[in-house]
Amino acid sequence: MGQVFVCNLKNAVHPEIGKVRPVVVIAPRLPHRPELATVVPISTTAPIHEHPFCYKLSKNYHPEEPDDLDCWAKADLVMSVSYQRLSPFKTDRRKYVYPTLGATDIKGVRLAIVHGLGLHSLISGN
């Protein structure tokens, strides 16, 4: 949980998020559905409006891009995808990298997911 992979989201239908992009796995494999990963897409495109379901990561976890490139976890677009869509970052011939979000970013993405699913009243008591 918290690992960042490259995900092939081609063939998405608008307003779904598409193309090949980084995603963060946000849930463990569950019984009777081991082929599915629950992910949140990561984008370098800033949200048009500030919302609690878009979390700005503390750094860019893509191993071949600058760490200070602004990136957002778009938690309103949480989805389940086949593990066949996921791959590690290839940084060299036969060298693969599996970045993992830091604790602060994992906590921030989890809170953004709560907002993205409209469940924030569960944590605020309203």
N, C-alpha and C. Protein backbone atom coordinates (compact mmCIF):
# COMPACT_ATOMS: atom_id res chain seq x y z
N MET A 1 0.85 -1.17 0.00
CA MET A 1 0.00 0.00 0.00
C MET A 1 0.89 1.23 0.00
N GLY A 2 0.55 2.20 -0.83
CA GLY A 2 1.35 3.41 -0.94
C GLY A 2 2.39 3.35 -2.04
N GLN A 3 2.49 2.20 -2.72
CA GLN A 3 3.46 2.11 -3.81
C GLN A 3 2.93 2.82 -5.04
N VAL A 4 3.86 3.43 -5.77
CA VAL A 4 3.52 4.16 -6.99
C VAL A 4 3.94 3.30 -8.19
N PHE A 5 3.03 3.14 -9.12
CA PHE A 5 3.26 2.38 -10.33
C PHE A 5 2.89 3.22 -11.54
N VAL A 6 3.29 2.75 -12.71
CA VAL A 6 2.82 3.31 -13.97
C VAL A 6 1.59 2.49 -14.36
N CYS A 7 0.52 3.18 -14.72
CA CYS A 7 -0.73 2.51 -15.05
C CYS A 7 -1.19 2.91 -16.44
N ASN A 8 -1.56 1.93 -17.22
CA ASN A 8 -2.09 2.18 -18.56
C ASN A 8 -3.59 2.39 -18.45
N LEU A 9 -3.99 3.66 -18.50
CA LEU A 9 -5.41 4.01 -18.43
C LEU A 9 -5.95 4.44 -19.79
N LYS A 10 -5.31 3.97 -20.85
CA LYS A 10 -5.80 4.29 -22.19
C LYS A 10 -7.20 3.72 -22.36
N ASN A 11 -7.92 4.25 -23.30
CA ASN A 11 -9.30 3.87 -23.60
C ASN A 11 -10.29 4.35 -22.53
N ALA A 12 -9.88 5.33 -21.75
CA ALA A 12 -10.81 5.92 -20.79
C ALA A 12 -11.87 6.73 -21.54
N VAL A 13 -13.00 6.88 -20.93
CA VAL A 13 -14.10 7.67 -21.49
C VAL A 13 -14.23 8.93 -20.66
N HIS A 14 -14.30 10.08 -21.31
CA HIS A 14 -14.41 11.36 -20.60
C HIS A 14 -15.65 11.34 -19.70
N PRO A 15 -15.57 11.74 -18.47
CA PRO A 15 -14.54 12.50 -17.77
C PRO A 15 -13.54 11.66 -16.98
N GLU A 16 -13.43 10.35 -17.29
CA GLU A 16 -12.43 9.52 -16.63
C GLU A 16 -11.04 10.05 -16.97
N ILE A 17 -10.09 9.77 -16.11
CA ILE A 17 -8.71 10.17 -16.35
C ILE A 17 -8.07 9.09 -17.21
N GLY A 18 -7.29 9.49 -18.20
CA GLY A 18 -6.75 8.53 -19.13
C GLY A 18 -5.25 8.61 -19.30
N LYS A 19 -4.75 7.96 -20.30
CA LYS A 19 -3.37 7.81 -20.75
C LYS A 19 -2.54 6.99 -19.77
N VAL A 20 -1.28 6.82 -20.08
CA VAL A 20 -0.36 6.12 -19.19
C VAL A 20 0.13 7.14 -18.18
N ARG A 21 -0.06 6.83 -16.88
CA ARG A 21 0.29 7.81 -15.84
C ARG A 21 0.61 7.09 -14.54
N PRO A 22 1.27 7.80 -13.63
CA PRO A 22 1.52 7.21 -12.32
C PRO A 22 0.22 7.13 -11.52
N VAL A 23 0.15 6.09 -10.70
CA VAL A 23 -0.95 5.91 -9.75
C VAL A 23 -0.36 5.41 -8.44
N VAL A 24 -1.08 5.63 -7.37
CA VAL A 24 -0.67 5.09 -6.08
C VAL A 24 -1.70 4.04 -5.66
N VAL A 25 -1.20 2.87 -5.26
CA VAL A 25 -2.06 1.80 -4.77
C VAL A 25 -2.46 2.16 -3.34
N ILE A 26 -3.77 2.18 -3.09
CA ILE A 26 -4.25 2.70 -1.80
C ILE A 26 -4.96 1.66 -0.94
N ALA A 27 -4.96 0.42 -1.36
CA ALA A 27 -5.61 -0.62 -0.57
C ALA A 27 -4.86 -1.93 -0.78
N PRO A 28 -4.86 -2.79 0.23
CA PRO A 28 -4.22 -4.09 0.06
C PRO A 28 -5.05 -4.99 -0.85
N ARG A 29 -4.43 -6.05 -1.32
CA ARG A 29 -5.20 -7.04 -2.08
C ARG A 29 -6.25 -7.65 -1.15
N LEU A 30 -7.44 -7.76 -1.66
CA LEU A 30 -8.54 -8.27 -0.85
C LEU A 30 -8.85 -9.73 -1.22
N PRO A 31 -9.39 -10.50 -0.27
CA PRO A 31 -9.76 -11.88 -0.58
C PRO A 31 -10.75 -11.94 -1.73
N HIS A 32 -10.59 -12.92 -2.57
CA HIS A 32 -11.49 -13.20 -3.69
C HIS A 32 -11.46 -12.12 -4.77
N ARG A 33 -10.47 -11.22 -4.73
CA ARG A 33 -10.29 -10.26 -5.81
C ARG A 33 -8.81 -9.88 -5.93
N PRO A 34 -7.93 -10.87 -5.96
CA PRO A 34 -6.49 -10.59 -5.97
C PRO A 34 -5.98 -9.96 -7.27
N GLU A 35 -6.79 -9.99 -8.31
CA GLU A 35 -6.35 -9.42 -9.59
C GLU A 35 -6.62 -7.92 -9.69
N LEU A 36 -7.30 -7.34 -8.69
CA LEU A 36 -7.68 -5.93 -8.75
C LEU A 36 -6.87 -5.10 -7.75
N ALA A 37 -6.44 -3.94 -8.22
CA ALA A 37 -5.77 -2.96 -7.36
C ALA A 37 -6.65 -1.72 -7.28
N THR A 38 -6.77 -1.16 -6.09
CA THR A 38 -7.48 0.10 -5.93
C THR A 38 -6.44 1.20 -5.95
N VAL A 39 -6.61 2.15 -6.88
CA VAL A 39 -5.58 3.16 -7.11
C VAL A 39 -6.18 4.56 -7.16
N VAL A 40 -5.29 5.52 -6.94
CA VAL A 40 -5.61 6.94 -7.14
C VAL A 40 -4.61 7.45 -8.17
N PRO A 41 -5.08 8.05 -9.27
CA PRO A 41 -4.17 8.58 -10.27
C PRO A 41 -3.42 9.81 -9.77
N ILE A 42 -2.21 9.98 -10.28
CA ILE A 42 -1.37 11.14 -9.97
C ILE A 42 -1.22 11.95 -11.25
N SER A 43 -1.32 13.27 -11.10
CA SER A 43 -1.26 14.16 -12.26
C SER A 43 -0.36 15.35 -11.95
N THR A 44 0.30 15.84 -12.99
CA THR A 44 1.06 17.09 -12.84
C THR A 44 0.21 18.29 -13.22
N THR A 45 -1.03 18.04 -13.64
CA THR A 45 -1.95 19.13 -13.96
C THR A 45 -2.66 19.57 -12.69
N ALA A 46 -2.48 20.83 -12.35
CA ALA A 46 -3.11 21.36 -11.15
C ALA A 46 -4.62 21.36 -11.31
N PRO A 47 -5.36 21.10 -10.23
CA PRO A 47 -6.81 21.18 -10.33
C PRO A 47 -7.25 22.62 -10.62
N ILE A 48 -8.32 22.77 -11.38
CA ILE A 48 -8.84 24.10 -11.73
C ILE A 48 -9.33 24.81 -10.48
N HIS A 49 -9.99 24.06 -9.60
CA HIS A 49 -10.50 24.60 -8.35
C HIS A 49 -9.86 23.83 -7.20
N GLU A 50 -9.64 24.51 -6.11
CA GLU A 50 -9.08 23.84 -4.94
C GLU A 50 -10.17 23.03 -4.24
N HIS A 51 -9.95 21.73 -4.10
CA HIS A 51 -10.89 20.83 -3.45
C HIS A 51 -10.13 19.93 -2.50
N PRO A 52 -10.77 19.49 -1.43
CA PRO A 52 -10.08 18.59 -0.49
C PRO A 52 -9.82 17.20 -1.05
N PHE A 53 -10.40 16.86 -2.20
CA PHE A 53 -10.14 15.55 -2.79
C PHE A 53 -8.97 15.57 -3.77
N CYS A 54 -8.32 16.71 -3.95
CA CYS A 54 -7.09 16.79 -4.73
C CYS A 54 -5.96 17.12 -3.76
N TYR A 55 -5.08 16.17 -3.55
CA TYR A 55 -4.01 16.33 -2.57
C TYR A 55 -2.68 16.59 -3.28
N LYS A 56 -2.06 17.71 -2.95
CA LYS A 56 -0.74 18.03 -3.52
C LYS A 56 0.31 17.22 -2.78
N LEU A 57 1.01 16.38 -3.50
CA LEU A 57 2.05 15.54 -2.91
C LEU A 57 3.25 16.39 -2.51
N SER A 58 3.99 15.92 -1.52
CA SER A 58 5.15 16.66 -1.03
C SER A 58 6.30 16.65 -2.03
N LYS A 59 6.26 15.68 -2.95
CA LYS A 59 7.30 15.60 -3.98
C LYS A 59 6.77 14.79 -5.15
N ASN A 60 7.50 14.81 -6.22
CA ASN A 60 7.19 13.99 -7.38
C ASN A 60 7.88 12.65 -7.19
N TYR A 61 7.13 11.57 -7.18
CA TYR A 61 7.70 10.24 -6.94
C TYR A 61 8.18 9.56 -8.22
N HIS A 62 8.00 10.19 -9.36
CA HIS A 62 8.49 9.62 -10.62
C HIS A 62 10.01 9.67 -10.60
N PRO A 63 10.68 8.53 -10.73
CA PRO A 63 12.13 8.49 -10.56
C PRO A 63 12.94 9.22 -11.64
N GLU A 64 12.33 9.52 -12.77
CA GLU A 64 13.08 10.18 -13.84
C GLU A 64 12.62 11.61 -14.08
N GLU A 65 11.92 12.18 -13.12
CA GLU A 65 11.48 13.57 -13.21
C GLU A 65 11.95 14.30 -11.97
N PRO A 66 12.02 15.62 -12.04
CA PRO A 66 12.48 16.38 -10.86
C PRO A 66 11.57 16.17 -9.65
N ASP A 67 12.18 16.03 -8.48
CA ASP A 67 11.41 15.86 -7.24
C ASP A 67 10.50 17.04 -6.96
N ASP A 68 10.90 18.24 -7.40
CA ASP A 68 10.13 19.44 -7.08
C ASP A 68 9.04 19.76 -8.11
N LEU A 69 8.79 18.86 -9.05
CA LEU A 69 7.69 19.03 -10.01
C LEU A 69 6.38 18.80 -9.25
N ASP A 70 5.49 19.78 -9.28
CA ASP A 70 4.22 19.68 -8.55
C ASP A 70 3.37 18.53 -9.09
N CYS A 71 2.83 17.74 -8.17
CA CYS A 71 1.97 16.60 -8.52
C CYS A 71 0.81 16.53 -7.56
N TRP A 72 -0.32 16.09 -8.06
CA TRP A 72 -1.53 15.95 -7.25
C TRP A 72 -2.07 14.54 -7.35
N ALA A 73 -2.49 14.01 -6.21
CA ALA A 73 -3.26 12.77 -6.20
C ALA A 73 -4.71 13.18 -6.39
N LYS A 74 -5.33 12.69 -7.44
CA LYS A 74 -6.70 13.07 -7.79
C LYS A 74 -7.66 12.03 -7.20
N ALA A 75 -7.97 12.21 -5.90
CA ALA A 75 -8.72 11.20 -5.15
C ALA A 75 -10.20 11.17 -5.47
N ASP A 76 -10.69 12.08 -6.28
CA ASP A 76 -12.07 11.97 -6.76
C ASP A 76 -12.15 10.95 -7.89
N LEU A 77 -10.98 10.44 -8.33
CA LEU A 77 -10.93 9.49 -9.43
C LEU A 77 -10.42 8.13 -8.97
N VAL A 78 -10.62 7.80 -7.70
CA VAL A 78 -10.21 6.50 -7.18
C VAL A 78 -10.88 5.42 -8.01
N MET A 79 -10.15 4.34 -8.32
CA MET A 79 -10.69 3.31 -9.19
C MET A 79 -10.04 1.97 -8.91
N SER A 80 -10.69 0.93 -9.33
CA SER A 80 -10.12 -0.41 -9.29
C SER A 80 -9.68 -0.76 -10.70
N VAL A 81 -8.44 -1.24 -10.80
CA VAL A 81 -7.88 -1.63 -12.10
C VAL A 81 -7.23 -3.00 -11.97
N SER A 82 -7.09 -3.67 -13.07
CA SER A 82 -6.39 -4.95 -13.09
C SER A 82 -4.91 -4.72 -12.82
N TYR A 83 -4.31 -5.62 -12.06
CA TYR A 83 -2.86 -5.53 -11.85
C TYR A 83 -2.10 -5.63 -13.17
N GLN A 84 -2.74 -6.16 -14.21
CA GLN A 84 -2.10 -6.23 -15.53
C GLN A 84 -1.87 -4.83 -16.12
N ARG A 85 -2.59 -3.83 -15.64
CA ARG A 85 -2.40 -2.46 -16.11
C ARG A 85 -1.21 -1.77 -15.43
N LEU A 86 -0.70 -2.35 -14.35
CA LEU A 86 0.35 -1.72 -13.55
C LEU A 86 1.72 -2.26 -13.89
N SER A 87 2.68 -1.37 -13.88
CA SER A 87 4.08 -1.78 -14.07
C SER A 87 4.97 -0.85 -13.25
N PRO A 88 6.14 -1.36 -12.87
CA PRO A 88 7.08 -0.48 -12.15
C PRO A 88 7.68 0.53 -13.12
N PHE A 89 8.37 1.51 -12.58
CA PHE A 89 9.09 2.47 -13.40
C PHE A 89 10.37 1.82 -13.90
N LYS A 90 10.58 1.83 -15.20
CA LYS A 90 11.82 1.29 -15.77
C LYS A 90 12.80 2.45 -15.89
N THR A 91 13.92 2.35 -15.18
CA THR A 91 14.88 3.45 -15.18
C THR A 91 16.14 3.15 -15.98
N ASP A 92 16.35 1.89 -16.29
CA ASP A 92 17.52 1.49 -17.05
C ASP A 92 17.26 0.09 -17.56
N ARG A 93 18.20 -0.40 -18.34
CA ARG A 93 18.06 -1.76 -18.85
C ARG A 93 18.01 -2.73 -17.68
N ARG A 94 16.92 -3.44 -17.55
CA ARG A 94 16.68 -4.41 -16.49
C ARG A 94 16.72 -3.81 -15.08
N LYS A 95 16.45 -2.51 -14.98
CA LYS A 95 16.39 -1.88 -13.66
C LYS A 95 15.01 -1.25 -13.49
N TYR A 96 14.32 -1.66 -12.44
CA TYR A 96 12.97 -1.20 -12.17
C TYR A 96 12.91 -0.60 -10.77
N VAL A 97 12.08 0.43 -10.62
CA VAL A 97 11.96 1.14 -9.36
C VAL A 97 10.50 1.09 -8.91
N TYR A 98 10.32 0.90 -7.60
CA TYR A 98 9.00 0.84 -6.98
C TYR A 98 8.93 1.90 -5.89
N PRO A 99 8.69 3.17 -6.24
CA PRO A 99 8.63 4.22 -5.21
C PRO A 99 7.43 4.00 -4.28
N THR A 100 7.57 4.47 -3.06
CA THR A 100 6.50 4.40 -2.07
C THR A 100 6.30 5.78 -1.47
N LEU A 101 5.04 6.20 -1.33
CA LEU A 101 4.73 7.48 -0.72
C LEU A 101 5.25 7.53 0.71
N GLY A 102 5.66 8.72 1.14
CA GLY A 102 6.02 8.93 2.52
C GLY A 102 4.77 8.93 3.39
N ALA A 103 4.96 8.79 4.71
CA ALA A 103 3.84 8.68 5.65
C ALA A 103 2.90 9.87 5.57
N THR A 104 3.45 11.08 5.46
CA THR A 104 2.60 12.28 5.39
C THR A 104 1.75 12.27 4.13
N ASP A 105 2.33 11.87 3.01
CA ASP A 105 1.57 11.82 1.76
C ASP A 105 0.51 10.71 1.79
N ILE A 106 0.82 9.57 2.39
CA ILE A 106 -0.19 8.50 2.51
C ILE A 106 -1.38 9.01 3.32
N LYS A 107 -1.10 9.67 4.41
CA LYS A 107 -2.18 10.21 5.25
C LYS A 107 -3.00 11.24 4.47
N GLY A 108 -2.33 12.12 3.73
CA GLY A 108 -3.02 13.14 2.94
C GLY A 108 -3.89 12.55 1.85
N VAL A 109 -3.38 11.51 1.17
CA VAL A 109 -4.15 10.86 0.11
C VAL A 109 -5.36 10.15 0.72
N ARG A 110 -5.19 9.50 1.85
CA ARG A 110 -6.33 8.83 2.49
C ARG A 110 -7.43 9.82 2.86
N LEU A 111 -7.05 10.96 3.39
CA LEU A 111 -8.05 11.98 3.72
C LEU A 111 -8.73 12.51 2.46
N ALA A 112 -7.95 12.69 1.39
CA ALA A 112 -8.53 13.14 0.12
C ALA A 112 -9.52 12.12 -0.43
N ILE A 113 -9.24 10.83 -0.24
CA ILE A 113 -10.15 9.78 -0.69
C ILE A 113 -11.48 9.88 0.05
N VAL A 114 -11.41 10.11 1.35
CA VAL A 114 -12.64 10.27 2.14
C VAL A 114 -13.49 11.38 1.54
N HIS A 115 -12.86 12.50 1.19
CA HIS A 115 -13.59 13.62 0.58
C HIS A 115 -14.07 13.26 -0.83
N GLY A 116 -13.22 12.58 -1.59
CA GLY A 116 -13.58 12.20 -2.95
C GLY A 116 -14.76 11.26 -3.03
N LEU A 117 -14.94 10.45 -1.99
CA LEU A 117 -16.08 9.53 -1.94
C LEU A 117 -17.28 10.13 -1.23
N GLY A 118 -17.15 11.38 -0.81
CA GLY A 118 -18.26 12.05 -0.14
C GLY A 118 -18.51 11.52 1.27
N LEU A 119 -17.48 10.98 1.91
CA LEU A 119 -17.63 10.40 3.23
C LEU A 119 -17.05 11.25 4.34
N HIS A 120 -16.75 12.51 4.05
CA HIS A 120 -16.10 13.37 5.03
C HIS A 120 -16.98 13.59 6.27
N SER A 121 -18.29 13.45 6.15
CA SER A 121 -19.14 13.61 7.33
C SER A 121 -18.86 12.52 8.37
N LEU A 122 -18.32 11.39 7.96
CA LEU A 122 -18.00 10.33 8.90
C LEU A 122 -16.86 10.72 9.84
N ILE A 123 -15.95 11.58 9.34
CA ILE A 123 -14.83 11.96 10.19
C ILE A 123 -15.06 13.30 10.88
N SER A 124 -15.97 14.10 10.34
CA SER A 124 -16.22 15.42 10.95
C SER A 124 -17.38 15.37 11.93
N GLY A 125 -18.14 14.30 11.91
CA GLY A 125 -19.27 14.18 12.83
C GLY A 125 -20.52 14.93 12.38
N ASN A 126 -20.53 15.43 11.15
CA ASN A 126 -21.70 16.16 10.64
C ASN A 126 -22.55 15.28 9.75
